[in-house]
Amino acid sequence: MHENFSTPRREGFVRTARSETDTDDSDDLAYAVGRYVLDDISIGRAAELAGVSRWRMADVLRGHGVELRLGPESIDEARAEAEGRLGEYLANDE
């Protein structure tokens, strides 16, 4: 079950995202937008959930005035992200 987004701003994003598509997948797109707005998932994961390309997801988010989070903001952040992913990879490889 999808989470309920209760603030008016978030509801506006979800409602507008639903109007972005005429397919049965509009709920998936709205759900993905909501999760991204909540800072819960990456743009790539949002695109996967919505069944659209990363570029389409970025266009939808920008169209709603959402500031995109694209990559680490510092070298330390990039290093920590790389170390975390390496650790995940090694843990899954065992």
N, C-alpha and C. Protein backbone atom coordinates (compact mmCIF):
# COMPACT_ATOMS: atom_id res chain seq x y z
N MET A 1 0.84 -1.18 0.00
CA MET A 1 0.00 0.00 0.00
C MET A 1 0.89 1.24 0.00
N HIS A 2 0.53 2.21 -0.83
CA HIS A 2 1.31 3.44 -0.89
C HIS A 2 1.04 4.29 0.34
N GLU A 3 2.08 5.03 0.73
CA GLU A 3 1.97 5.91 1.89
C GLU A 3 1.04 7.08 1.58
N ASN A 4 0.46 7.65 2.60
CA ASN A 4 -0.39 8.82 2.45
C ASN A 4 0.46 10.07 2.65
N PHE A 5 0.45 10.97 1.69
CA PHE A 5 1.21 12.21 1.77
C PHE A 5 0.24 13.30 2.20
N SER A 6 0.39 13.81 3.41
CA SER A 6 -0.65 14.63 4.00
C SER A 6 -0.47 16.14 3.88
N THR A 7 0.72 16.63 3.61
CA THR A 7 0.85 18.08 3.56
C THR A 7 0.31 18.60 2.23
N PRO A 8 -0.25 19.81 2.23
CA PRO A 8 -0.82 20.35 0.99
C PRO A 8 0.18 20.41 -0.15
N ARG A 9 1.44 20.78 0.14
CA ARG A 9 2.44 20.86 -0.93
C ARG A 9 2.68 19.49 -1.55
N ARG A 10 2.85 18.48 -0.70
CA ARG A 10 3.08 17.13 -1.21
C ARG A 10 1.86 16.62 -1.96
N GLU A 11 0.67 16.91 -1.45
CA GLU A 11 -0.54 16.49 -2.15
C GLU A 11 -0.61 17.13 -3.52
N GLY A 12 -0.18 18.39 -3.61
CA GLY A 12 -0.16 19.07 -4.91
C GLY A 12 0.78 18.39 -5.89
N PHE A 13 1.95 17.98 -5.43
CA PHE A 13 2.89 17.27 -6.30
C PHE A 13 2.28 15.97 -6.78
N VAL A 14 1.68 15.24 -5.87
CA VAL A 14 1.10 13.94 -6.22
C VAL A 14 -0.05 14.13 -7.19
N ARG A 15 -0.93 15.09 -6.92
CA ARG A 15 -2.09 15.33 -7.78
C ARG A 15 -1.62 15.74 -9.17
N THR A 16 -0.63 16.63 -9.27
CA THR A 16 -0.13 17.08 -10.56
C THR A 16 0.59 15.96 -11.28
N ALA A 17 1.33 15.16 -10.56
CA ALA A 17 2.03 14.03 -11.19
C ALA A 17 1.03 13.07 -11.80
N ARG A 18 -0.10 12.87 -11.15
CA ARG A 18 -1.12 11.99 -11.71
C ARG A 18 -1.64 12.52 -13.03
N SER A 19 -1.70 13.84 -13.18
CA SER A 19 -2.21 14.42 -14.41
C SER A 19 -1.17 14.39 -15.53
N GLU A 20 0.07 14.04 -15.21
CA GLU A 20 1.14 14.01 -16.20
C GLU A 20 1.00 12.87 -17.20
N THR A 21 0.25 11.87 -16.85
CA THR A 21 0.15 10.70 -17.71
C THR A 21 -1.29 10.22 -17.77
N ASP A 22 -1.66 9.64 -18.90
CA ASP A 22 -3.02 9.13 -19.06
C ASP A 22 -3.08 7.62 -18.90
N THR A 23 -1.99 7.01 -18.55
CA THR A 23 -1.95 5.55 -18.46
C THR A 23 -2.36 5.08 -17.08
N ASP A 24 -2.51 3.78 -16.95
CA ASP A 24 -2.84 3.19 -15.65
C ASP A 24 -1.67 3.31 -14.68
N ASP A 25 -0.51 3.70 -15.17
CA ASP A 25 0.67 3.82 -14.32
C ASP A 25 0.76 5.16 -13.61
N SER A 26 -0.29 6.00 -13.71
CA SER A 26 -0.23 7.33 -13.10
C SER A 26 -0.08 7.25 -11.59
N ASP A 27 -0.66 6.24 -10.95
CA ASP A 27 -0.48 6.08 -9.51
C ASP A 27 0.97 5.78 -9.17
N ASP A 28 1.63 4.99 -10.02
CA ASP A 28 3.05 4.69 -9.79
C ASP A 28 3.89 5.96 -9.91
N LEU A 29 3.58 6.80 -10.89
CA LEU A 29 4.31 8.05 -11.07
C LEU A 29 4.08 8.97 -9.86
N ALA A 30 2.85 9.09 -9.44
CA ALA A 30 2.54 9.94 -8.28
C ALA A 30 3.24 9.43 -7.03
N TYR A 31 3.24 8.11 -6.85
CA TYR A 31 3.91 7.51 -5.70
C TYR A 31 5.40 7.81 -5.73
N ALA A 32 6.02 7.67 -6.92
CA ALA A 32 7.45 7.92 -7.06
C ALA A 32 7.79 9.38 -6.78
N VAL A 33 6.97 10.30 -7.28
CA VAL A 33 7.19 11.72 -7.02
C VAL A 33 7.12 11.99 -5.52
N GLY A 34 6.12 11.44 -4.88
CA GLY A 34 5.96 11.64 -3.44
C GLY A 34 7.14 11.12 -2.65
N ARG A 35 7.61 9.92 -3.00
CA ARG A 35 8.75 9.34 -2.29
C ARG A 35 10.00 10.19 -2.50
N TYR A 36 10.19 10.71 -3.72
CA TYR A 36 11.36 11.54 -4.00
C TYR A 36 11.27 12.85 -3.21
N VAL A 37 10.09 13.46 -3.20
CA VAL A 37 9.90 14.72 -2.46
C VAL A 37 10.18 14.52 -0.98
N LEU A 38 9.85 13.37 -0.45
CA LEU A 38 10.10 13.08 0.96
C LEU A 38 11.57 12.79 1.25
N ASP A 39 12.41 12.84 0.19
CA ASP A 39 13.84 12.56 0.32
C ASP A 39 14.08 11.12 0.75
N ASP A 40 13.18 10.26 0.31
CA ASP A 40 13.21 8.85 0.70
C ASP A 40 13.97 7.99 -0.31
N ILE A 41 13.99 8.41 -1.59
CA ILE A 41 14.61 7.62 -2.65
C ILE A 41 15.35 8.52 -3.63
N SER A 42 16.20 7.90 -4.43
CA SER A 42 16.95 8.62 -5.45
C SER A 42 16.09 8.83 -6.69
N ILE A 43 16.57 9.66 -7.59
CA ILE A 43 15.84 9.89 -8.83
C ILE A 43 15.80 8.62 -9.68
N GLY A 44 16.87 7.84 -9.64
CA GLY A 44 16.90 6.58 -10.38
C GLY A 44 15.86 5.59 -9.86
N ARG A 45 15.77 5.49 -8.55
CA ARG A 45 14.78 4.59 -7.93
C ARG A 45 13.37 5.09 -8.21
N ALA A 46 13.17 6.41 -8.17
CA ALA A 46 11.85 6.98 -8.48
C ALA A 46 11.45 6.63 -9.90
N ALA A 47 12.40 6.74 -10.82
CA ALA A 47 12.12 6.39 -12.22
C ALA A 47 11.74 4.92 -12.35
N GLU A 48 12.46 4.05 -11.64
CA GLU A 48 12.14 2.62 -11.67
C GLU A 48 10.73 2.37 -11.16
N LEU A 49 10.37 2.98 -10.04
CA LEU A 49 9.04 2.79 -9.47
C LEU A 49 7.94 3.29 -10.42
N ALA A 50 8.23 4.39 -11.12
CA ALA A 50 7.24 4.98 -12.02
C ALA A 50 7.21 4.31 -13.39
N GLY A 51 8.24 3.53 -13.70
CA GLY A 51 8.30 2.88 -15.01
C GLY A 51 8.64 3.85 -16.13
N VAL A 52 9.43 4.87 -15.81
CA VAL A 52 9.85 5.85 -16.81
C VAL A 52 11.38 5.96 -16.77
N SER A 53 11.93 6.65 -17.75
CA SER A 53 13.38 6.86 -17.76
C SER A 53 13.77 7.88 -16.69
N ARG A 54 15.04 7.87 -16.33
CA ARG A 54 15.55 8.87 -15.37
C ARG A 54 15.33 10.27 -15.91
N TRP A 55 15.47 10.43 -17.22
CA TRP A 55 15.35 11.75 -17.85
C TRP A 55 13.90 12.22 -17.78
N ARG A 56 12.96 11.31 -18.01
CA ARG A 56 11.53 11.67 -17.91
C ARG A 56 11.19 12.02 -16.47
N MET A 57 11.72 11.24 -15.52
CA MET A 57 11.45 11.51 -14.11
C MET A 57 11.99 12.88 -13.73
N ALA A 58 13.19 13.21 -14.20
CA ALA A 58 13.78 14.52 -13.92
C ALA A 58 12.90 15.63 -14.50
N ASP A 59 12.38 15.43 -15.71
CA ASP A 59 11.50 16.43 -16.33
C ASP A 59 10.23 16.63 -15.51
N VAL A 60 9.64 15.53 -15.05
CA VAL A 60 8.41 15.61 -14.25
C VAL A 60 8.69 16.36 -12.95
N LEU A 61 9.77 16.01 -12.28
CA LEU A 61 10.11 16.66 -11.01
C LEU A 61 10.39 18.15 -11.21
N ARG A 62 11.19 18.48 -12.24
CA ARG A 62 11.48 19.89 -12.51
C ARG A 62 10.19 20.65 -12.82
N GLY A 63 9.29 19.99 -13.56
CA GLY A 63 8.02 20.61 -13.91
C GLY A 63 7.18 20.97 -12.69
N HIS A 64 7.44 20.31 -11.59
CA HIS A 64 6.73 20.58 -10.33
C HIS A 64 7.55 21.46 -9.40
N GLY A 65 8.68 21.96 -9.91
CA GLY A 65 9.50 22.85 -9.09
C GLY A 65 10.33 22.14 -8.03
N VAL A 66 10.52 20.84 -8.20
CA VAL A 66 11.31 20.07 -7.23
C VAL A 66 12.79 20.22 -7.57
N GLU A 67 13.59 20.59 -6.59
CA GLU A 67 15.03 20.69 -6.79
C GLU A 67 15.61 19.28 -6.82
N LEU A 68 16.32 18.97 -7.89
CA LEU A 68 16.88 17.63 -8.05
C LEU A 68 18.13 17.46 -7.20
N ARG A 69 18.24 16.28 -6.61
CA ARG A 69 19.42 15.92 -5.83
C ARG A 69 20.29 15.03 -6.73
N LEU A 70 21.33 15.63 -7.28
CA LEU A 70 22.15 14.91 -8.26
C LEU A 70 23.57 14.73 -7.75
N GLY A 71 23.83 13.64 -7.11
CA GLY A 71 25.18 13.31 -6.69
C GLY A 71 25.63 13.99 -5.42
N PRO A 72 26.80 13.58 -4.97
CA PRO A 72 27.36 14.13 -3.73
C PRO A 72 27.75 15.60 -3.90
N GLU A 73 27.70 16.32 -2.80
CA GLU A 73 28.02 17.75 -2.83
C GLU A 73 29.47 18.05 -2.47
N SER A 74 30.20 17.05 -2.01
CA SER A 74 31.60 17.27 -1.65
C SER A 74 32.40 15.99 -1.92
N ILE A 75 33.72 16.13 -1.89
CA ILE A 75 34.59 14.97 -2.08
C ILE A 75 34.40 13.98 -0.93
N ASP A 76 34.26 14.49 0.28
CA ASP A 76 34.05 13.60 1.43
C ASP A 76 32.76 12.80 1.29
N GLU A 77 31.71 13.48 0.81
CA GLU A 77 30.43 12.80 0.59
C GLU A 77 30.58 11.73 -0.49
N ALA A 78 31.30 12.05 -1.56
CA ALA A 78 31.52 11.09 -2.65
C ALA A 78 32.31 9.88 -2.15
N ARG A 79 33.32 10.14 -1.36
CA ARG A 79 34.14 9.06 -0.81
C ARG A 79 33.30 8.15 0.09
N ALA A 80 32.49 8.75 0.96
CA ALA A 80 31.64 7.97 1.86
C ALA A 80 30.64 7.14 1.07
N GLU A 81 30.07 7.72 0.02
CA GLU A 81 29.12 6.99 -0.82
C GLU A 81 29.81 5.81 -1.50
N ALA A 82 31.00 6.04 -2.05
CA ALA A 82 31.75 4.98 -2.73
C ALA A 82 32.12 3.87 -1.76
N GLU A 83 32.57 4.24 -0.57
CA GLU A 83 32.93 3.22 0.43
C GLU A 83 31.71 2.41 0.85
N GLY A 84 30.58 3.08 1.00
CA GLY A 84 29.34 2.38 1.36
C GLY A 84 28.91 1.40 0.29
N ARG A 85 28.99 1.83 -0.96
CA ARG A 85 28.60 0.93 -2.05
C ARG A 85 29.56 -0.24 -2.19
N LEU A 86 30.85 0.02 -1.99
CA LEU A 86 31.83 -1.07 -2.05
C LEU A 86 31.54 -2.07 -0.94
N GLY A 87 31.24 -1.58 0.24
CA GLY A 87 30.90 -2.46 1.36
C GLY A 87 29.67 -3.30 1.06
N GLU A 88 28.64 -2.69 0.45
CA GLU A 88 27.43 -3.43 0.07
C GLU A 88 27.77 -4.50 -0.96
N TYR A 89 28.59 -4.13 -1.94
CA TYR A 89 28.97 -5.07 -2.99
C TYR A 89 29.70 -6.27 -2.40
N LEU A 90 30.66 -5.99 -1.54
CA LEU A 90 31.44 -7.07 -0.93
C LEU A 90 30.57 -7.95 -0.04
N ALA A 91 29.63 -7.36 0.67
CA ALA A 91 28.73 -8.13 1.54
C ALA A 91 27.82 -9.04 0.71
N ASN A 92 27.39 -8.57 -0.45
CA ASN A 92 26.50 -9.36 -1.31
C ASN A 92 27.26 -10.41 -2.10
N ASP A 93 28.56 -10.22 -2.25
CA ASP A 93 29.39 -11.13 -3.03
C ASP A 93 29.75 -12.39 -2.25
N GLU A 94 29.60 -12.35 -0.95
CA GLU A 94 30.01 -13.48 -0.10
C GLU A 94 29.05 -14.63 -0.18
